[in-house]
N, C-alpha and C. Protein backbone atom coordinates (compact mmCIF):
# COMPACT_ATOMS: atom_id res chain seq x y z
N MET A 1 0.85 -1.18 0.00
CA MET A 1 0.00 0.00 0.00
C MET A 1 0.89 1.24 0.00
N PRO A 2 0.56 2.23 -0.84
CA PRO A 2 1.37 3.44 -0.87
C PRO A 2 1.27 4.20 0.45
N SER A 3 2.33 4.90 0.78
CA SER A 3 2.27 5.70 2.00
C SER A 3 1.43 6.95 1.74
N ARG A 4 0.81 7.42 2.76
CA ARG A 4 -0.04 8.61 2.64
C ARG A 4 0.82 9.86 2.60
N SER A 5 0.47 10.75 1.71
CA SER A 5 1.13 12.05 1.74
C SER A 5 0.43 12.86 2.82
N SER A 6 1.09 13.91 3.29
CA SER A 6 0.45 14.72 4.31
C SER A 6 -0.36 15.81 3.61
N SER A 7 -1.44 15.37 2.98
CA SER A 7 -2.25 16.32 2.25
C SER A 7 -3.72 15.91 2.29
N ARG A 8 -4.51 16.83 1.80
CA ARG A 8 -5.96 16.64 1.77
C ARG A 8 -6.42 16.65 0.31
N ALA A 9 -7.34 15.75 -0.01
CA ALA A 9 -7.91 15.69 -1.34
C ALA A 9 -9.43 15.76 -1.24
N VAL A 10 -10.03 16.17 -2.34
CA VAL A 10 -11.49 16.27 -2.45
C VAL A 10 -11.94 15.32 -3.55
N TYR A 11 -12.93 14.51 -3.23
CA TYR A 11 -13.55 13.59 -4.19
C TYR A 11 -14.96 14.10 -4.45
N PRO A 12 -15.16 14.86 -5.55
CA PRO A 12 -16.47 15.46 -5.81
C PRO A 12 -17.36 14.57 -6.67
N GLY A 13 -18.66 14.74 -6.51
CA GLY A 13 -19.62 14.03 -7.35
C GLY A 13 -21.03 14.34 -6.94
N THR A 14 -21.96 13.86 -7.75
CA THR A 14 -23.37 14.00 -7.45
C THR A 14 -23.81 12.89 -6.50
N PHE A 15 -23.30 11.68 -6.70
CA PHE A 15 -23.55 10.53 -5.83
C PHE A 15 -25.05 10.29 -5.63
N ASP A 16 -25.75 10.04 -6.74
CA ASP A 16 -27.22 9.92 -6.72
C ASP A 16 -27.69 8.60 -7.30
N PRO A 17 -27.55 7.50 -6.57
CA PRO A 17 -27.06 7.34 -5.21
C PRO A 17 -25.57 6.99 -5.19
N PHE A 18 -25.03 6.91 -3.99
CA PHE A 18 -23.66 6.49 -3.75
C PHE A 18 -23.59 5.00 -4.05
N THR A 19 -22.68 4.60 -4.95
CA THR A 19 -22.57 3.20 -5.36
C THR A 19 -21.32 2.55 -4.79
N ASN A 20 -21.20 1.25 -5.01
CA ASN A 20 -19.98 0.55 -4.61
C ASN A 20 -18.78 1.01 -5.43
N GLY A 21 -19.02 1.48 -6.65
CA GLY A 21 -17.94 2.07 -7.44
C GLY A 21 -17.41 3.33 -6.79
N HIS A 22 -18.33 4.19 -6.31
CA HIS A 22 -17.92 5.40 -5.58
C HIS A 22 -17.14 5.02 -4.32
N LEU A 23 -17.66 4.04 -3.61
CA LEU A 23 -17.02 3.62 -2.36
C LEU A 23 -15.61 3.09 -2.63
N ASP A 24 -15.44 2.33 -3.70
CA ASP A 24 -14.12 1.81 -4.04
C ASP A 24 -13.13 2.94 -4.28
N ILE A 25 -13.53 3.96 -5.01
CA ILE A 25 -12.65 5.11 -5.26
C ILE A 25 -12.34 5.83 -3.95
N ALA A 26 -13.35 6.02 -3.10
CA ALA A 26 -13.14 6.69 -1.80
C ALA A 26 -12.17 5.91 -0.93
N GLU A 27 -12.32 4.59 -0.88
CA GLU A 27 -11.42 3.77 -0.06
C GLU A 27 -9.99 3.84 -0.57
N ARG A 28 -9.81 3.78 -1.86
CA ARG A 28 -8.46 3.83 -2.42
C ARG A 28 -7.83 5.20 -2.25
N ALA A 29 -8.61 6.26 -2.43
CA ALA A 29 -8.08 7.61 -2.22
C ALA A 29 -7.75 7.84 -0.75
N ALA A 30 -8.57 7.30 0.14
CA ALA A 30 -8.31 7.45 1.58
C ALA A 30 -7.01 6.77 2.00
N ALA A 31 -6.60 5.75 1.24
CA ALA A 31 -5.33 5.09 1.54
C ALA A 31 -4.13 5.89 1.03
N ILE A 32 -4.37 6.81 0.12
CA ILE A 32 -3.29 7.62 -0.46
C ILE A 32 -3.11 8.94 0.29
N PHE A 33 -4.22 9.57 0.65
CA PHE A 33 -4.18 10.90 1.25
C PHE A 33 -4.42 10.83 2.75
N GLU A 34 -3.84 11.79 3.45
CA GLU A 34 -4.04 11.87 4.89
C GLU A 34 -5.51 12.13 5.22
N GLU A 35 -6.13 13.00 4.42
CA GLU A 35 -7.55 13.31 4.59
C GLU A 35 -8.23 13.32 3.24
N LEU A 36 -9.44 12.80 3.20
CA LEU A 36 -10.25 12.83 1.99
C LEU A 36 -11.60 13.43 2.33
N LEU A 37 -12.00 14.39 1.53
CA LEU A 37 -13.31 15.01 1.70
C LEU A 37 -14.18 14.63 0.52
N VAL A 38 -15.21 13.85 0.76
CA VAL A 38 -16.18 13.51 -0.27
C VAL A 38 -17.13 14.70 -0.36
N ALA A 39 -17.12 15.35 -1.53
CA ALA A 39 -17.88 16.59 -1.73
C ALA A 39 -19.09 16.29 -2.61
N VAL A 40 -20.26 16.42 -2.02
CA VAL A 40 -21.51 16.11 -2.71
C VAL A 40 -22.07 17.39 -3.33
N SER A 41 -22.20 17.35 -4.65
CA SER A 41 -22.61 18.54 -5.40
C SER A 41 -24.09 18.87 -5.22
N ALA A 42 -24.33 20.13 -4.89
CA ALA A 42 -25.71 20.60 -4.77
C ALA A 42 -26.32 20.82 -6.13
N ASP A 43 -25.52 21.31 -7.08
CA ASP A 43 -26.04 21.65 -8.40
C ASP A 43 -25.04 21.23 -9.46
N SER A 44 -25.25 20.06 -10.02
CA SER A 44 -24.33 19.54 -11.03
C SER A 44 -24.90 19.64 -12.43
N GLY A 45 -26.03 20.31 -12.58
CA GLY A 45 -26.69 20.36 -13.88
C GLY A 45 -27.56 19.14 -14.12
N LYS A 46 -27.56 18.22 -13.19
CA LYS A 46 -28.38 17.01 -13.29
C LYS A 46 -29.63 17.23 -12.44
N GLN A 47 -30.60 16.38 -12.64
CA GLN A 47 -31.82 16.39 -11.83
C GLN A 47 -31.75 15.21 -10.87
N PRO A 48 -31.16 15.39 -9.69
CA PRO A 48 -30.99 14.25 -8.80
C PRO A 48 -32.31 13.70 -8.27
N MET A 49 -32.33 12.40 -8.08
CA MET A 49 -33.51 11.74 -7.52
C MET A 49 -33.58 11.99 -6.01
N PHE A 50 -32.42 11.95 -5.35
CA PHE A 50 -32.35 12.16 -3.92
C PHE A 50 -31.98 13.61 -3.63
N SER A 51 -32.47 14.12 -2.52
CA SER A 51 -32.13 15.49 -2.12
C SER A 51 -30.66 15.56 -1.74
N LEU A 52 -30.16 16.77 -1.66
CA LEU A 52 -28.76 16.96 -1.25
C LEU A 52 -28.52 16.36 0.13
N ASP A 53 -29.41 16.61 1.07
CA ASP A 53 -29.24 16.05 2.42
C ASP A 53 -29.23 14.53 2.40
N GLU A 54 -30.09 13.92 1.58
CA GLU A 54 -30.12 12.45 1.49
C GLU A 54 -28.82 11.91 0.89
N ARG A 55 -28.32 12.57 -0.14
CA ARG A 55 -27.08 12.12 -0.78
C ARG A 55 -25.89 12.26 0.16
N VAL A 56 -25.85 13.35 0.91
CA VAL A 56 -24.78 13.53 1.91
C VAL A 56 -24.86 12.43 2.96
N GLU A 57 -26.06 12.15 3.45
CA GLU A 57 -26.23 11.12 4.48
C GLU A 57 -25.83 9.74 3.95
N MET A 58 -26.22 9.42 2.72
CA MET A 58 -25.85 8.11 2.15
C MET A 58 -24.33 7.99 2.04
N ALA A 59 -23.67 9.05 1.60
CA ALA A 59 -22.21 9.01 1.49
C ALA A 59 -21.57 8.88 2.87
N ARG A 60 -22.09 9.58 3.85
CA ARG A 60 -21.55 9.47 5.23
C ARG A 60 -21.70 8.06 5.76
N GLU A 61 -22.86 7.47 5.56
CA GLU A 61 -23.08 6.11 6.04
C GLU A 61 -22.15 5.13 5.33
N ALA A 62 -22.02 5.27 4.01
CA ALA A 62 -21.19 4.34 3.24
C ALA A 62 -19.71 4.46 3.61
N CYS A 63 -19.26 5.67 3.93
CA CYS A 63 -17.84 5.91 4.24
C CYS A 63 -17.56 5.92 5.74
N GLY A 64 -18.53 5.57 6.54
CA GLY A 64 -18.39 5.63 7.99
C GLY A 64 -17.24 4.83 8.56
N HIS A 65 -16.80 3.80 7.88
CA HIS A 65 -15.70 2.96 8.35
C HIS A 65 -14.33 3.55 8.03
N LEU A 66 -14.30 4.65 7.31
CA LEU A 66 -13.03 5.28 6.91
C LEU A 66 -12.75 6.47 7.82
N ALA A 67 -11.82 6.30 8.74
CA ALA A 67 -11.57 7.31 9.77
C ALA A 67 -11.09 8.65 9.21
N ASN A 68 -10.43 8.65 8.07
CA ASN A 68 -9.88 9.89 7.53
C ASN A 68 -10.74 10.50 6.41
N VAL A 69 -12.00 10.08 6.35
CA VAL A 69 -12.91 10.59 5.33
C VAL A 69 -14.03 11.38 5.98
N GLN A 70 -14.26 12.57 5.42
CA GLN A 70 -15.39 13.40 5.82
C GLN A 70 -16.26 13.60 4.59
N VAL A 71 -17.52 13.93 4.80
CA VAL A 71 -18.46 14.18 3.70
C VAL A 71 -19.09 15.54 3.94
N ALA A 72 -19.17 16.34 2.87
CA ALA A 72 -19.78 17.67 2.98
C ALA A 72 -20.44 18.04 1.66
N PRO A 73 -21.50 18.82 1.72
CA PRO A 73 -22.10 19.32 0.48
C PRO A 73 -21.31 20.50 -0.04
N PHE A 74 -21.42 20.76 -1.36
CA PHE A 74 -20.82 21.96 -1.91
C PHE A 74 -21.70 22.48 -3.04
N ASP A 75 -21.54 23.77 -3.31
CA ASP A 75 -22.25 24.41 -4.40
C ASP A 75 -21.26 25.34 -5.08
N GLY A 76 -21.34 25.46 -6.38
CA GLY A 76 -20.42 26.33 -7.09
C GLY A 76 -19.26 25.56 -7.68
N LEU A 77 -18.16 26.25 -7.91
CA LEU A 77 -16.98 25.64 -8.50
C LEU A 77 -16.26 24.74 -7.50
N ILE A 78 -15.91 23.55 -7.95
CA ILE A 78 -15.20 22.62 -7.06
C ILE A 78 -13.83 23.17 -6.68
N VAL A 79 -13.20 23.94 -7.55
CA VAL A 79 -11.89 24.49 -7.21
C VAL A 79 -11.99 25.47 -6.05
N ASP A 80 -13.06 26.25 -5.99
CA ASP A 80 -13.25 27.18 -4.88
C ASP A 80 -13.49 26.41 -3.58
N PHE A 81 -14.31 25.36 -3.66
CA PHE A 81 -14.56 24.53 -2.49
C PHE A 81 -13.26 23.88 -2.01
N ALA A 82 -12.50 23.31 -2.95
CA ALA A 82 -11.25 22.63 -2.59
C ALA A 82 -10.26 23.58 -1.94
N ARG A 83 -10.11 24.77 -2.52
CA ARG A 83 -9.20 25.77 -1.93
C ARG A 83 -9.67 26.17 -0.53
N SER A 84 -10.98 26.34 -0.36
CA SER A 84 -11.50 26.77 0.96
C SER A 84 -11.26 25.70 2.02
N ARG A 85 -11.06 24.47 1.60
CA ARG A 85 -10.81 23.37 2.53
C ARG A 85 -9.34 22.98 2.60
N GLY A 86 -8.48 23.73 1.92
CA GLY A 86 -7.04 23.46 1.97
C GLY A 86 -6.63 22.20 1.23
N ALA A 87 -7.38 21.80 0.24
CA ALA A 87 -7.06 20.59 -0.52
C ALA A 87 -5.99 20.88 -1.56
N ARG A 88 -5.17 19.87 -1.81
CA ARG A 88 -4.12 19.98 -2.83
C ARG A 88 -4.46 19.19 -4.07
N ALA A 89 -5.51 18.35 -3.99
CA ALA A 89 -5.84 17.50 -5.13
C ALA A 89 -7.33 17.20 -5.18
N LEU A 90 -7.79 16.95 -6.39
CA LEU A 90 -9.12 16.42 -6.64
C LEU A 90 -8.95 14.96 -7.05
N VAL A 91 -9.87 14.12 -6.66
CA VAL A 91 -9.85 12.70 -7.02
C VAL A 91 -11.08 12.43 -7.86
N LYS A 92 -10.88 11.76 -9.00
CA LYS A 92 -11.99 11.37 -9.86
C LYS A 92 -11.79 9.93 -10.28
N GLY A 93 -12.89 9.22 -10.49
CA GLY A 93 -12.84 7.84 -10.96
C GLY A 93 -13.07 7.78 -12.45
N LEU A 94 -12.37 6.88 -13.12
CA LEU A 94 -12.52 6.67 -14.56
C LEU A 94 -13.03 5.27 -14.84
N ARG A 95 -14.11 5.18 -15.61
CA ARG A 95 -14.63 3.88 -16.02
C ARG A 95 -14.30 3.58 -17.48
N THR A 96 -14.40 4.57 -18.34
CA THR A 96 -14.28 4.35 -19.78
C THR A 96 -13.41 5.43 -20.43
N ALA A 97 -13.11 5.22 -21.70
CA ALA A 97 -12.37 6.22 -22.46
C ALA A 97 -13.17 7.52 -22.55
N THR A 98 -14.47 7.41 -22.64
CA THR A 98 -15.32 8.60 -22.68
C THR A 98 -15.17 9.40 -21.38
N ASP A 99 -15.13 8.70 -20.25
CA ASP A 99 -14.88 9.37 -18.96
C ASP A 99 -13.55 10.10 -19.00
N PHE A 100 -12.53 9.45 -19.58
CA PHE A 100 -11.20 10.06 -19.61
C PHE A 100 -11.23 11.40 -20.34
N GLU A 101 -11.86 11.43 -21.49
CA GLU A 101 -11.89 12.68 -22.25
C GLU A 101 -12.57 13.79 -21.48
N ARG A 102 -13.70 13.49 -20.86
CA ARG A 102 -14.41 14.49 -20.07
C ARG A 102 -13.61 14.92 -18.85
N GLU A 103 -13.06 13.96 -18.14
CA GLU A 103 -12.30 14.27 -16.92
C GLU A 103 -11.00 15.01 -17.23
N MET A 104 -10.36 14.68 -18.36
CA MET A 104 -9.16 15.39 -18.74
C MET A 104 -9.49 16.86 -19.01
N GLN A 105 -10.57 17.09 -19.72
CA GLN A 105 -10.99 18.47 -20.02
C GLN A 105 -11.29 19.23 -18.73
N MET A 106 -12.01 18.60 -17.82
CA MET A 106 -12.33 19.26 -16.54
C MET A 106 -11.07 19.49 -15.72
N ALA A 107 -10.16 18.52 -15.71
CA ALA A 107 -8.91 18.66 -14.94
C ALA A 107 -8.08 19.82 -15.47
N MET A 108 -8.03 19.97 -16.78
CA MET A 108 -7.26 21.06 -17.36
C MET A 108 -7.90 22.41 -17.03
N MET A 109 -9.23 22.49 -17.09
CA MET A 109 -9.91 23.73 -16.72
C MET A 109 -9.69 24.04 -15.24
N ASN A 110 -9.83 23.03 -14.38
CA ASN A 110 -9.64 23.25 -12.95
C ASN A 110 -8.21 23.70 -12.65
N ARG A 111 -7.23 23.12 -13.33
CA ARG A 111 -5.84 23.52 -13.10
C ARG A 111 -5.60 24.95 -13.59
N SER A 112 -6.29 25.33 -14.66
CA SER A 112 -6.19 26.71 -15.16
C SER A 112 -6.79 27.69 -14.15
N LEU A 113 -7.91 27.30 -13.54
CA LEU A 113 -8.57 28.15 -12.54
C LEU A 113 -7.84 28.16 -11.20
N ALA A 114 -7.20 27.05 -10.87
CA ALA A 114 -6.54 26.91 -9.57
C ALA A 114 -5.20 26.22 -9.75
N PRO A 115 -4.17 26.95 -10.21
CA PRO A 115 -2.85 26.34 -10.36
C PRO A 115 -2.40 25.73 -9.02
N GLY A 116 -1.83 24.56 -9.11
CA GLY A 116 -1.40 23.88 -7.88
C GLY A 116 -2.41 22.88 -7.37
N LEU A 117 -3.62 22.91 -7.89
CA LEU A 117 -4.64 21.92 -7.52
C LEU A 117 -4.64 20.85 -8.61
N ASP A 118 -4.08 19.72 -8.30
CA ASP A 118 -3.97 18.64 -9.28
C ASP A 118 -5.17 17.72 -9.20
N THR A 119 -5.39 16.99 -10.28
CA THR A 119 -6.46 15.99 -10.34
C THR A 119 -5.83 14.63 -10.45
N LEU A 120 -6.21 13.73 -9.56
CA LEU A 120 -5.76 12.35 -9.57
C LEU A 120 -6.89 11.50 -10.13
N LEU A 121 -6.63 10.82 -11.25
CA LEU A 121 -7.63 9.97 -11.89
C LEU A 121 -7.36 8.52 -11.51
N LEU A 122 -8.33 7.90 -10.85
CA LEU A 122 -8.19 6.50 -10.44
C LEU A 122 -9.06 5.65 -11.36
N LEU A 123 -8.49 4.58 -11.90
CA LEU A 123 -9.25 3.68 -12.75
C LEU A 123 -10.23 2.88 -11.92
N ALA A 124 -11.42 2.74 -12.43
CA ALA A 124 -12.44 1.95 -11.73
C ALA A 124 -11.97 0.50 -11.62
N ASP A 125 -12.29 -0.11 -10.52
CA ASP A 125 -12.07 -1.54 -10.37
C ASP A 125 -12.91 -2.23 -11.45
N SER A 126 -12.41 -3.31 -12.02
CA SER A 126 -13.12 -3.98 -13.10
C SER A 126 -14.52 -4.44 -12.69
N ARG A 127 -14.72 -4.67 -11.39
CA ARG A 127 -16.06 -5.07 -10.92
C ARG A 127 -17.09 -3.96 -11.12
N TYR A 128 -16.61 -2.70 -11.21
CA TYR A 128 -17.53 -1.57 -11.26
C TYR A 128 -17.36 -0.71 -12.51
N ALA A 129 -16.58 -1.16 -13.49
CA ALA A 129 -16.29 -0.34 -14.66
C ALA A 129 -17.53 0.00 -15.48
N PHE A 130 -18.56 -0.81 -15.38
CA PHE A 130 -19.80 -0.57 -16.12
C PHE A 130 -20.83 0.19 -15.30
N LEU A 131 -20.56 0.41 -14.05
CA LEU A 131 -21.55 0.88 -13.10
C LEU A 131 -21.68 2.40 -13.08
N SER A 132 -22.90 2.86 -13.08
CA SER A 132 -23.18 4.29 -12.90
C SER A 132 -24.42 4.42 -12.02
N SER A 133 -24.55 5.57 -11.37
CA SER A 133 -25.72 5.81 -10.54
C SER A 133 -26.99 5.72 -11.38
N GLY A 134 -26.94 6.27 -12.59
CA GLY A 134 -28.11 6.24 -13.47
C GLY A 134 -28.52 4.83 -13.82
N LEU A 135 -27.57 3.97 -14.10
CA LEU A 135 -27.87 2.58 -14.43
C LEU A 135 -28.45 1.86 -13.21
N VAL A 136 -27.90 2.12 -12.04
CA VAL A 136 -28.43 1.51 -10.81
C VAL A 136 -29.88 1.95 -10.59
N ARG A 137 -30.15 3.24 -10.78
CA ARG A 137 -31.54 3.72 -10.62
C ARG A 137 -32.47 3.05 -11.62
N GLU A 138 -32.01 2.94 -12.86
CA GLU A 138 -32.84 2.33 -13.90
C GLU A 138 -33.17 0.87 -13.58
N VAL A 139 -32.15 0.09 -13.25
CA VAL A 139 -32.36 -1.33 -12.95
C VAL A 139 -33.26 -1.49 -11.72
N CYS A 140 -33.01 -0.72 -10.69
CA CYS A 140 -33.82 -0.80 -9.48
C CYS A 140 -35.27 -0.40 -9.78
N GLY A 141 -35.45 0.66 -10.56
CA GLY A 141 -36.78 1.12 -10.90
C GLY A 141 -37.59 0.10 -11.69
N LEU A 142 -36.89 -0.78 -12.41
CA LEU A 142 -37.55 -1.83 -13.18
C LEU A 142 -37.68 -3.12 -12.37
N GLY A 143 -37.38 -3.05 -11.07
CA GLY A 143 -37.57 -4.19 -10.18
C GLY A 143 -36.36 -5.09 -10.03
N GLY A 144 -35.22 -4.70 -10.60
CA GLY A 144 -34.03 -5.53 -10.51
C GLY A 144 -33.34 -5.44 -9.17
N ASP A 145 -32.55 -6.45 -8.87
CA ASP A 145 -31.79 -6.52 -7.62
C ASP A 145 -30.47 -5.79 -7.81
N VAL A 146 -30.28 -4.70 -7.11
CA VAL A 146 -29.05 -3.91 -7.21
C VAL A 146 -28.20 -4.01 -5.94
N SER A 147 -28.46 -5.01 -5.14
CA SER A 147 -27.75 -5.14 -3.85
C SER A 147 -26.24 -5.32 -4.02
N ALA A 148 -25.78 -5.83 -5.16
CA ALA A 148 -24.35 -6.00 -5.39
C ALA A 148 -23.67 -4.70 -5.82
N TYR A 149 -24.46 -3.66 -6.08
CA TYR A 149 -23.92 -2.44 -6.68
C TYR A 149 -23.95 -1.21 -5.78
N VAL A 150 -24.60 -1.31 -4.63
CA VAL A 150 -24.66 -0.18 -3.71
C VAL A 150 -24.32 -0.65 -2.31
N PRO A 151 -23.77 0.24 -1.48
CA PRO A 151 -23.51 -0.13 -0.09
C PRO A 151 -24.81 -0.56 0.61
N GLU A 152 -24.66 -1.44 1.57
CA GLU A 152 -25.81 -1.98 2.30
C GLU A 152 -26.70 -0.87 2.87
N SER A 153 -26.09 0.23 3.33
CA SER A 153 -26.86 1.32 3.92
C SER A 153 -27.66 2.10 2.89
N VAL A 154 -27.28 2.04 1.62
CA VAL A 154 -27.97 2.78 0.55
C VAL A 154 -29.18 2.00 0.03
N LEU A 155 -29.08 0.68 0.03
CA LEU A 155 -30.09 -0.16 -0.61
C LEU A 155 -31.52 0.11 -0.13
N PRO A 156 -31.81 0.18 1.16
CA PRO A 156 -33.20 0.41 1.57
C PRO A 156 -33.76 1.75 1.08
N ARG A 157 -32.92 2.78 1.04
CA ARG A 157 -33.38 4.08 0.54
C ARG A 157 -33.72 4.00 -0.94
N LEU A 158 -32.88 3.33 -1.68
CA LEU A 158 -33.06 3.21 -3.12
C LEU A 158 -34.31 2.39 -3.44
N VAL A 159 -34.44 1.24 -2.82
CA VAL A 159 -35.61 0.39 -3.05
C VAL A 159 -36.88 1.10 -2.58
N GLY A 160 -36.80 1.77 -1.43
CA GLY A 160 -37.96 2.50 -0.92
C GLY A 160 -38.43 3.60 -1.86
N ARG A 161 -37.49 4.24 -2.55
CA ARG A 161 -37.83 5.32 -3.48
C ARG A 161 -38.34 4.79 -4.81
N LEU A 162 -37.72 3.71 -5.30
CA LEU A 162 -38.04 3.24 -6.65
C LEU A 162 -38.97 2.03 -6.71
N GLN A 163 -39.09 1.33 -5.59
CA GLN A 163 -39.98 0.17 -5.53
C GLN A 163 -40.82 0.29 -4.28
N PRO A 164 -41.67 1.32 -4.17
CA PRO A 164 -42.34 1.62 -2.91
C PRO A 164 -43.22 0.49 -2.35
N GLY A 165 -43.73 -0.39 -3.18
CA GLY A 165 -44.58 -1.47 -2.67
C GLY A 165 -43.81 -2.66 -2.19
N ARG A 166 -42.52 -2.70 -2.45
CA ARG A 166 -41.69 -3.84 -2.10
C ARG A 166 -41.21 -3.71 -0.66
N ASP A 167 -41.18 -4.83 0.03
CA ASP A 167 -40.59 -4.83 1.37
C ASP A 167 -39.11 -4.56 1.26
N ARG A 168 -38.52 -4.15 2.34
CA ARG A 168 -37.08 -3.89 2.36
C ARG A 168 -36.32 -5.13 1.94
N PRO A 169 -35.19 -4.92 1.28
CA PRO A 169 -34.37 -6.06 0.83
C PRO A 169 -33.81 -6.84 2.00
């Protein structure tokens, strides 16, 4: 395992809902950085299914076993949030080549806006390379079992929202 640098990183996202893919990236980043702040976006241009408070709570529950991880909401530019928290890096997960192109463009813009704030791109674990929050919502909404794709604490919220007549998993 790599040694931790004495720095703080921010892992931003919408996390609607927080998946096992998100958790994998958070766990790996927490092993690299002294502190990791999971930053839940209030306004990402998406129409989230869960409220900001619900998404923050799901991320907190999922990351509760990670002593050096905190979760907080943010609004506005991630570079401003990261600077206000003393972060030296942003952490993003990559699943596909399409993700790479988008993340590279965002990383270059963020570095232009905040020189010295680097972006660390972590490749998704092969178990989660196909996984997205949108796909999890879609499968769950159609009655599928998504228990392998979300943390145990997220599953009842997701099923309760998308399969209201179904008993808890």
